[in-house]
Amino acid sequence: MADISQLEEKLGVVFVDKDLLLQALTHRSYLNENPHFRLDHNERLEFLGDAVIELAVTEFLYKKYPNPEGELTNWRASLVNAKLLSRLAQEIGIGEFLLLSRGEAKDTGRARQYILANAFEAVAGALYLDRGYDVAKEFTERVVIKELPTILAEQSYKDPKSRLQEEAQERAGVTPTYRVHAEWGPDHSKRFRVGVYLGKELIAEGEGPSKQEAETEAAKAGLAAKQWN
């Protein structure tokens, strides 16, 4: 088991109760293989940490920006989603300290992304219990909210389909359309490939486990292909 004091250094916080941090790093699968482990898994801490992060982000946005509620909601969603939190967890090095089953430890796909995001939330929950809201808020502002300028500059708080539609209407006077090019796999594990068109012009394709996600990937690729990012 890795020395979690190294993680505390990366987090920039020191826990009074080290077991709270260790529990935040304990995935349910680890207990399946180690049923006599002295701590519970991290799901309750994740539940708490999700609320702590969301409150800290909401409070910051409310105090800092006079923008309408709808815009602030979109900005918040861009800061608290699994994709961003999993990346931050990876950057900090939380993944190196996770307690996982052997099977989960080998996973590098989407499941791993959610495990990392959930662990990040669990760490925030553990920090709230251990050091209080002010310390948890400072951590959130230092690690999560620092991403806001980039999100605003890139307008990544708008979903790719909306951004592509706005750009296409403004620059080309057309509304993008989407067409399924292929689908394959069993019902429980389907994949879709979708093309996005401006008029009759195919500008990009995207793949995903649902039509909606494939369309989103196609829109991202379309923005890149047209250099409208």
C-alpha atoms as a PDB file:
ATOM      1  CA  MET A   1       0.000   0.000   0.000  1.00  0.00           C
ATOM      2  CA  ALA A   2       1.407   3.369  -1.038  1.00  0.00           C
ATOM      3  CA  ASP A   3       2.340   5.981   1.563  1.00  0.00           C
ATOM      4  CA  ILE A   4      -0.647   8.343   1.572  1.00  0.00           C
ATOM      5  CA  SER A   5       1.474  11.160   3.031  1.00  0.00           C
ATOM      6  CA  GLN A   6       2.803  11.497  -0.526  1.00  0.00           C
ATOM      7  CA  LEU A   7      -0.771  12.028  -1.711  1.00  0.00           C
ATOM      8  CA  GLU A   8      -1.382  14.594   1.029  1.00  0.00           C
ATOM      9  CA  GLU A   9       1.602  16.504  -0.331  1.00  0.00           C
ATOM     10  CA  LYS A  10       0.124  16.429  -3.836  1.00  0.00           C
ATOM     11  CA  LEU A  11      -3.291  17.471  -2.518  1.00  0.00           C
ATOM     12  CA  GLY A  12      -1.743  20.313  -0.558  1.00  0.00           C
ATOM     13  CA  VAL A  13      -3.604  19.270   2.614  1.00  0.00           C
ATOM     14  CA  VAL A  14      -2.782  17.228   5.693  1.00  0.00           C
ATOM     15  CA  PHE A  15      -5.457  15.017   7.227  1.00  0.00           C
ATOM     16  CA  VAL A  16      -5.851  14.697  10.976  1.00  0.00           C
ATOM     17  CA  ASP A  17      -7.608  11.346  10.545  1.00  0.00           C
ATOM     18  CA  LYS A  18      -5.588   9.490   7.916  1.00  0.00           C
ATOM     19  CA  ASP A  19      -8.214   6.740   7.796  1.00  0.00           C
ATOM     20  CA  LEU A  20     -10.699   9.158   6.242  1.00  0.00           C
ATOM     21  CA  LEU A  21      -8.340   9.719   3.330  1.00  0.00           C
ATOM     22  CA  LEU A  22      -7.621   6.003   3.047  1.00  0.00           C
ATOM     23  CA  GLN A  23     -11.341   5.231   2.989  1.00  0.00           C
ATOM     24  CA  ALA A  24     -11.808   7.823   0.239  1.00  0.00           C
ATOM     25  CA  LEU A  25      -9.343   5.797  -1.837  1.00  0.00           C
ATOM     26  CA  THR A  26     -11.028   2.446  -1.209  1.00  0.00           C
ATOM     27  CA  HIS A  27     -13.158   1.156  -4.073  1.00  0.00           C
ATOM     28  CA  ARG A  28     -15.965  -1.311  -3.430  1.00  0.00           C
ATOM     29  CA  SER A  29     -14.169  -3.938  -5.551  1.00  0.00           C
ATOM     30  CA  TYR A  30     -11.182  -3.938  -3.185  1.00  0.00           C
ATOM     31  CA  LEU A  31     -13.387  -5.087  -0.312  1.00  0.00           C
ATOM     32  CA  ASN A  32     -14.679  -7.972  -2.435  1.00  0.00           C
ATOM     33  CA  GLU A  33     -11.128  -9.325  -2.545  1.00  0.00           C
ATOM     34  CA  ASN A  34     -10.199  -8.115   0.955  1.00  0.00           C
ATOM     35  CA  PRO A  35     -13.366  -8.654   3.043  1.00  0.00           C
ATOM     36  CA  HIS A  36     -11.490  -8.196   6.349  1.00  0.00           C
ATOM     37  CA  PHE A  37     -10.160  -4.748   5.468  1.00  0.00           C
ATOM     38  CA  ARG A  38     -10.830  -2.469   8.466  1.00  0.00           C
ATOM     39  CA  LEU A  39     -12.447   0.396   6.513  1.00  0.00           C
ATOM     40  CA  ASP A  40     -15.599   0.760   4.425  1.00  0.00           C
ATOM     41  CA  HIS A  41     -15.556   1.640   0.719  1.00  0.00           C
ATOM     42  CA  ASN A  42     -15.705   5.249  -0.477  1.00  0.00           C
ATOM     43  CA  GLU A  43     -19.253   5.544  -1.851  1.00  0.00           C
ATOM     44  CA  ARG A  44     -20.753   7.430   1.104  1.00  0.00           C
ATOM     45  CA  LEU A  45     -17.809   9.847   1.085  1.00  0.00           C
ATOM     46  CA  GLU A  46     -18.302  10.292  -2.663  1.00  0.00           C
ATOM     47  CA  PHE A  47     -21.962  11.190  -2.041  1.00  0.00           C
ATOM     48  CA  LEU A  48     -20.892  13.815   0.498  1.00  0.00           C
ATOM     49  CA  GLY A  49     -17.981  15.155  -1.557  1.00  0.00           C
ATOM     50  CA  ASP A  50     -20.158  15.651  -4.620  1.00  0.00           C
ATOM     51  CA  ALA A  51     -22.326  18.048  -2.590  1.00  0.00           C
ATOM     52  CA  VAL A  52     -19.313  19.798  -1.027  1.00  0.00           C
ATOM     53  CA  ILE A  53     -17.690  20.480  -4.411  1.00  0.00           C
ATOM     54  CA  GLU A  54     -20.963  21.629  -5.937  1.00  0.00           C
ATOM     55  CA  LEU A  55     -21.643  24.014  -3.043  1.00  0.00           C
ATOM     56  CA  ALA A  56     -18.123  25.469  -3.141  1.00  0.00           C
ATOM     57  CA  VAL A  57     -18.337  25.986  -6.910  1.00  0.00           C
ATOM     58  CA  THR A  58     -21.849  27.453  -6.663  1.00  0.00           C
ATOM     59  CA  GLU A  59     -20.842  29.864  -3.907  1.00  0.00           C
ATOM     60  CA  PHE A  60     -17.790  31.024  -5.865  1.00  0.00           C
ATOM     61  CA  LEU A  61     -19.755  31.602  -9.075  1.00  0.00           C
ATOM     62  CA  TYR A  62     -22.588  33.364  -7.251  1.00  0.00           C
ATOM     63  CA  LYS A  63     -20.243  35.788  -5.481  1.00  0.00           C
ATOM     64  CA  LYS A  64     -17.905  36.380  -8.419  1.00  0.00           C
ATOM     65  CA  TYR A  65     -20.226  36.650 -11.435  1.00  0.00           C
ATOM     66  CA  PRO A  66     -23.513  38.577 -11.896  1.00  0.00           C
ATOM     67  CA  ASN A  67     -24.472  36.384 -14.873  1.00  0.00           C
ATOM     68  CA  PRO A  68     -27.946  34.831 -15.243  1.00  0.00           C
ATOM     69  CA  GLU A  69     -28.744  31.578 -13.462  1.00  0.00           C
ATOM     70  CA  GLY A  70     -28.729  29.576 -16.697  1.00  0.00           C
ATOM     71  CA  GLU A  71     -25.166  30.565 -17.578  1.00  0.00           C
ATOM     72  CA  LEU A  72     -23.902  29.909 -14.066  1.00  0.00           C
ATOM     73  CA  THR A  73     -25.562  26.489 -14.141  1.00  0.00           C
ATOM     74  CA  ASN A  74     -23.749  25.613 -17.364  1.00  0.00           C
ATOM     75  CA  TRP A  75     -20.419  26.830 -15.979  1.00  0.00           C
ATOM     76  CA  ARG A  76     -20.910  24.791 -12.825  1.00  0.00           C
ATOM     77  CA  ALA A  77     -21.776  21.684 -14.825  1.00  0.00           C
ATOM     78  CA  SER A  78     -18.491  22.070 -16.723  1.00  0.00           C
ATOM     79  CA  LEU A  79     -16.557  22.178 -13.453  1.00  0.00           C
ATOM     80  CA  VAL A  80     -18.182  19.278 -11.603  1.00  0.00           C
ATOM     81  CA  ASN A  81     -18.555  16.681 -14.372  1.00  0.00           C
ATOM     82  CA  ALA A  82     -16.852  13.296 -14.288  1.00  0.00           C
ATOM     83  CA  LYS A  83     -14.579  14.022 -17.242  1.00  0.00           C
ATOM     84  CA  LEU A  84     -12.954  17.055 -15.623  1.00  0.00           C
ATOM     85  CA  LEU A  85     -12.790  15.575 -12.126  1.00  0.00           C
ATOM     86  CA  SER A  86     -11.205  12.367 -13.421  1.00  0.00           C
ATOM     87  CA  ARG A  87      -8.556  14.408 -15.256  1.00  0.00           C
ATOM     88  CA  LEU A  88      -7.815  16.416 -12.117  1.00  0.00           C
ATOM     89  CA  ALA A  89      -7.603  13.198 -10.111  1.00  0.00           C
ATOM     90  CA  GLN A  90      -5.137  11.849 -12.665  1.00  0.00           C
ATOM     91  CA  GLU A  91      -3.055  15.029 -12.585  1.00  0.00           C
ATOM     92  CA  ILE A  92      -2.859  14.963  -8.789  1.00  0.00           C
ATOM     93  CA  GLY A  93      -1.976  11.271  -8.846  1.00  0.00           C
ATOM     94  CA  ILE A  94      -4.978   9.917  -6.959  1.00  0.00           C
ATOM     95  CA  GLY A  95      -5.022   6.896  -9.276  1.00  0.00           C
ATOM     96  CA  GLU A  96      -1.663   5.716  -7.912  1.00  0.00           C
ATOM     97  CA  PHE A  97      -3.122   5.421  -4.406  1.00  0.00           C
ATOM     98  CA  LEU A  98      -6.492   3.799  -5.147  1.00  0.00           C
ATOM     99  CA  LEU A  99      -7.310   0.485  -3.517  1.00  0.00           C
ATOM    100  CA  LEU A 100      -8.919  -1.588  -6.278  1.00  0.00           C
ATOM    101  CA  SER A 101      -9.534  -5.199  -7.128  1.00  0.00           C
ATOM    102  CA  ARG A 102      -7.035  -6.742  -9.542  1.00  0.00           C
ATOM    103  CA  GLY A 103      -9.643  -6.613 -12.300  1.00  0.00           C
ATOM    104  CA  GLU A 104     -10.568  -2.969 -11.755  1.00  0.00           C
ATOM    105  CA  ALA A 105      -6.894  -1.998 -11.537  1.00  0.00           C
ATOM    106  CA  LYS A 106      -6.404  -3.198 -15.125  1.00  0.00           C
ATOM    107  CA  ASP A 107      -9.314  -1.167 -16.524  1.00  0.00           C
ATOM    108  CA  THR A 108      -8.247   1.899 -18.487  1.00  0.00           C
ATOM    109  CA  GLY A 109     -11.542   2.825 -20.172  1.00  0.00           C
ATOM    110  CA  ARG A 110     -14.617   4.754 -19.186  1.00  0.00           C
ATOM    111  CA  ALA A 111     -15.067   2.741 -15.981  1.00  0.00           C
ATOM    112  CA  ARG A 112     -11.656   3.956 -14.844  1.00  0.00           C
ATOM    113  CA  GLN A 113     -12.679   7.551 -15.548  1.00  0.00           C
ATOM    114  CA  TYR A 114     -15.682   7.221 -13.253  1.00  0.00           C
ATOM    115  CA  ILE A 115     -13.636   5.516 -10.537  1.00  0.00           C
ATOM    116  CA  LEU A 116     -11.179   8.432 -10.575  1.00  0.00           C
ATOM    117  CA  ALA A 117     -13.929  11.073 -10.572  1.00  0.00           C
ATOM    118  CA  ASN A 118     -15.719   9.315  -7.723  1.00  0.00           C
ATOM    119  CA  ALA A 119     -12.489   9.057  -5.737  1.00  0.00           C
ATOM    120  CA  PHE A 120     -11.862  12.783  -6.230  1.00  0.00           C
ATOM    121  CA  GLU A 121     -15.320  13.511  -4.810  1.00  0.00           C
ATOM    122  CA  ALA A 122     -14.696  11.080  -1.954  1.00  0.00           C
ATOM    123  CA  VAL A 123     -11.443  12.869  -1.090  1.00  0.00           C
ATOM    124  CA  ALA A 124     -13.352  16.171  -0.968  1.00  0.00           C
ATOM    125  CA  GLY A 125     -15.943  14.561   1.305  1.00  0.00           C
ATOM    126  CA  ALA A 126     -13.239  13.162   3.571  1.00  0.00           C
ATOM    127  CA  LEU A 127     -11.540  16.564   3.706  1.00  0.00           C
ATOM    128  CA  TYR A 128     -14.824  18.216   4.680  1.00  0.00           C
ATOM    129  CA  LEU A 129     -15.321  15.759   7.561  1.00  0.00           C
ATOM    130  CA  ASP A 130     -11.703  16.001   8.668  1.00  0.00           C
ATOM    131  CA  ARG A 131     -10.960  19.711   8.352  1.00  0.00           C
ATOM    132  CA  GLY A 132     -14.289  21.442   7.808  1.00  0.00           C
ATOM    133  CA  TYR A 133     -15.976  23.316   4.990  1.00  0.00           C
ATOM    134  CA  ASP A 134     -13.519  26.225   4.715  1.00  0.00           C
ATOM    135  CA  VAL A 135     -10.573  23.905   4.031  1.00  0.00           C
ATOM    136  CA  ALA A 136     -12.639  21.833   1.590  1.00  0.00           C
ATOM    137  CA  LYS A 137     -13.736  25.037  -0.145  1.00  0.00           C
ATOM    138  CA  GLU A 138     -10.139  26.286  -0.425  1.00  0.00           C
ATOM    139  CA  PHE A 139      -9.127  22.930  -1.934  1.00  0.00           C
ATOM    140  CA  THR A 140     -11.990  23.101  -4.442  1.00  0.00           C
ATOM    141  CA  GLU A 141     -11.131  26.652  -5.472  1.00  0.00           C
ATOM    142  CA  ARG A 142      -7.434  25.844  -5.799  1.00  0.00           C
ATOM    143  CA  VAL A 143      -7.820  22.589  -7.736  1.00  0.00           C
ATOM    144  CA  VAL A 144     -11.200  22.702  -9.512  1.00  0.00           C
ATOM    145  CA  ILE A 145     -12.193  26.339 -10.020  1.00  0.00           C
ATOM    146  CA  LYS A 146      -8.771  27.200 -11.472  1.00  0.00           C
ATOM    147  CA  GLU A 147     -10.072  25.456 -14.622  1.00  0.00           C
ATOM    148  CA  LEU A 148     -12.823  28.066 -15.109  1.00  0.00           C
ATOM    149  CA  PRO A 149     -10.832  30.613 -17.191  1.00  0.00           C
ATOM    150  CA  THR A 150      -9.995  27.900 -19.732  1.00  0.00           C
ATOM    151  CA  ILE A 151     -13.606  26.686 -19.820  1.00  0.00           C
ATOM    152  CA  LEU A 152     -14.855  30.225 -20.442  1.00  0.00           C
ATOM    153  CA  ALA A 153     -12.191  31.001 -23.053  1.00  0.00           C
ATOM    154  CA  GLU A 154     -12.899  27.790 -24.991  1.00  0.00           C
ATOM    155  CA  GLN A 155     -16.660  27.997 -24.377  1.00  0.00           C
ATOM    156  CA  SER A 156     -16.506  24.309 -23.478  1.00  0.00           C
ATOM    157  CA  TYR A 157     -19.429  24.876 -21.107  1.00  0.00           C
ATOM    158  CA  LYS A 158     -21.544  24.761 -24.248  1.00  0.00           C
ATOM    159  CA  ASP A 159     -22.044  21.240 -25.497  1.00  0.00           C
ATOM    160  CA  PRO A 160     -20.291  20.566 -28.851  1.00  0.00           C
ATOM    161  CA  LYS A 161     -23.539  20.209 -30.800  1.00  0.00           C
ATOM    162  CA  SER A 162     -24.746  23.629 -29.663  1.00  0.00           C
ATOM    163  CA  ARG A 163     -21.387  25.213 -30.421  1.00  0.00           C
ATOM    164  CA  LEU A 164     -21.251  23.662 -33.884  1.00  0.00           C
ATOM    165  CA  GLN A 165     -24.798  24.788 -34.611  1.00  0.00           C
ATOM    166  CA  GLU A 166     -24.046  28.379 -33.565  1.00  0.00           C
ATOM    167  CA  GLU A 167     -20.840  28.506 -35.600  1.00  0.00           C
ATOM    168  CA  ALA A 168     -22.400  26.857 -38.678  1.00  0.00           C
ATOM    169  CA  GLN A 169     -25.388  29.188 -38.680  1.00  0.00           C
ATOM    170  CA  GLU A 170     -23.207  32.252 -38.200  1.00  0.00           C
ATOM    171  CA  ARG A 171     -20.428  31.328 -40.645  1.00  0.00           C
ATOM    172  CA  ALA A 172     -22.199  29.206 -43.270  1.00  0.00           C
ATOM    173  CA  GLY A 173     -25.871  30.013 -42.825  1.00  0.00           C
ATOM    174  CA  VAL A 174     -26.806  26.344 -42.403  1.00  0.00           C
ATOM    175  CA  THR A 175     -27.837  24.074 -39.543  1.00  0.00           C
ATOM    176  CA  PRO A 176     -25.798  20.887 -39.095  1.00  0.00           C
ATOM    177  CA  THR A 177     -27.559  17.560 -39.609  1.00  0.00           C
ATOM    178  CA  TYR A 178     -26.546  14.111 -38.378  1.00  0.00           C
ATOM    179  CA  ARG A 179     -26.804  10.740 -40.060  1.00  0.00           C
ATOM    180  CA  VAL A 180     -26.029   7.273 -38.676  1.00  0.00           C
ATOM    181  CA  HIS A 181     -23.384   5.694 -40.914  1.00  0.00           C
ATOM    182  CA  ALA A 182     -23.033   2.380 -39.069  1.00  0.00           C
ATOM    183  CA  GLU A 183     -24.050   0.512 -35.952  1.00  0.00           C
ATOM    184  CA  TRP A 184     -22.724  -2.769 -34.652  1.00  0.00           C
ATOM    185  CA  GLY A 185     -22.412  -4.972 -31.583  1.00  0.00           C
ATOM    186  CA  PRO A 186     -24.942  -6.760 -29.343  1.00  0.00           C
ATOM    187  CA  ASP A 187     -27.837  -4.851 -27.771  1.00  0.00           C
ATOM    188  CA  HIS A 188     -26.051  -4.457 -24.430  1.00  0.00           C
ATOM    189  CA  SER A 189     -22.863  -3.139 -26.040  1.00  0.00           C
ATOM    190  CA  LYS A 190     -23.779  -1.307 -29.231  1.00  0.00           C
ATOM    191  CA  ARG A 191     -21.554   1.152 -31.051  1.00  0.00           C
ATOM    192  CA  PHE A 192     -22.639   3.849 -33.475  1.00  0.00           C
ATOM    193  CA  ARG A 193     -20.782   5.858 -36.091  1.00  0.00           C
ATOM    194  CA  VAL A 194     -22.473   9.117 -37.032  1.00  0.00           C
ATOM    195  CA  GLY A 195     -21.623  11.693 -39.688  1.00  0.00           C
ATOM    196  CA  VAL A 196     -22.302  15.415 -39.353  1.00  0.00           C
ATOM    197  CA  TYR A 197     -23.170  17.381 -42.476  1.00  0.00           C
ATOM    198  CA  LEU A 198     -23.341  21.008 -43.495  1.00  0.00           C
ATOM    199  CA  GLY A 199     -25.823  20.801 -46.321  1.00  0.00           C
ATOM    200  CA  LYS A 200     -24.565  17.870 -48.400  1.00  0.00           C
ATOM    201  CA  GLU A 201     -20.977  18.179 -47.172  1.00  0.00           C
ATOM    202  CA  LEU A 202     -19.795  15.524 -44.712  1.00  0.00           C
ATOM    203  CA  ILE A 203     -17.457  17.414 -42.391  1.00  0.00           C
ATOM    204  CA  ALA A 204     -16.696  14.778 -39.744  1.00  0.00           C
ATOM    205  CA  GLU A 205     -17.670  11.496 -38.099  1.00  0.00           C
ATOM    206  CA  GLY A 206     -17.883  10.369 -34.501  1.00  0.00           C
ATOM    207  CA  GLU A 207     -18.336   7.107 -32.633  1.00  0.00           C
ATOM    208  CA  GLY A 208     -19.982   6.258 -29.331  1.00  0.00           C
ATOM    209  CA  PRO A 209     -22.085   3.753 -27.389  1.00  0.00           C
ATOM    210  CA  SER A 210     -25.272   5.688 -28.236  1.00  0.00           C
ATOM    211  CA  LYS A 211     -26.441   7.815 -31.142  1.00  0.00           C
ATOM    212  CA  GLN A 212     -26.385  10.898 -28.921  1.00  0.00           C
ATOM    213  CA  GLU A 213     -22.781  10.349 -27.826  1.00  0.00           C
ATOM    214  CA  ALA A 214     -21.692   9.578 -31.376  1.00  0.00           C
ATOM    215  CA  GLU A 215     -23.328  12.839 -32.517  1.00  0.00           C
ATOM    216  CA  THR A 216     -21.472  14.712 -29.771  1.00  0.00           C
ATOM    217  CA  GLU A 217     -18.166  13.208 -30.905  1.00  0.00           C
ATOM    218  CA  ALA A 218     -18.990  14.056 -34.521  1.00  0.00           C
ATOM    219  CA  ALA A 219     -19.735  17.655 -33.519  1.00  0.00           C
ATOM    220  CA  LYS A 220     -16.382  17.883 -31.687  1.00  0.00           C
ATOM    221  CA  ALA A 221     -14.619  16.524 -34.755  1.00  0.00           C
ATOM    222  CA  GLY A 222     -16.576  18.938 -36.962  1.00  0.00           C
ATOM    223  CA  LEU A 223     -15.496  21.931 -34.884  1.00  0.00           C
ATOM    224  CA  ALA A 224     -11.890  20.768 -35.167  1.00  0.00           C
ATOM    225  CA  ALA A 225     -12.156  20.049 -38.898  1.00  0.00           C
ATOM    226  CA  LYS A 226     -13.502  23.531 -39.562  1.00  0.00           C
ATOM    227  CA  GLN A 227     -11.080  25.053 -37.032  1.00  0.00           C
ATOM    228  CA  TRP A 228     -14.032  26.621 -35.239  1.00  0.00           C
ATOM    229  CA  ASN A 229     -12.749  25.758 -31.758  1.00  0.00           C
END
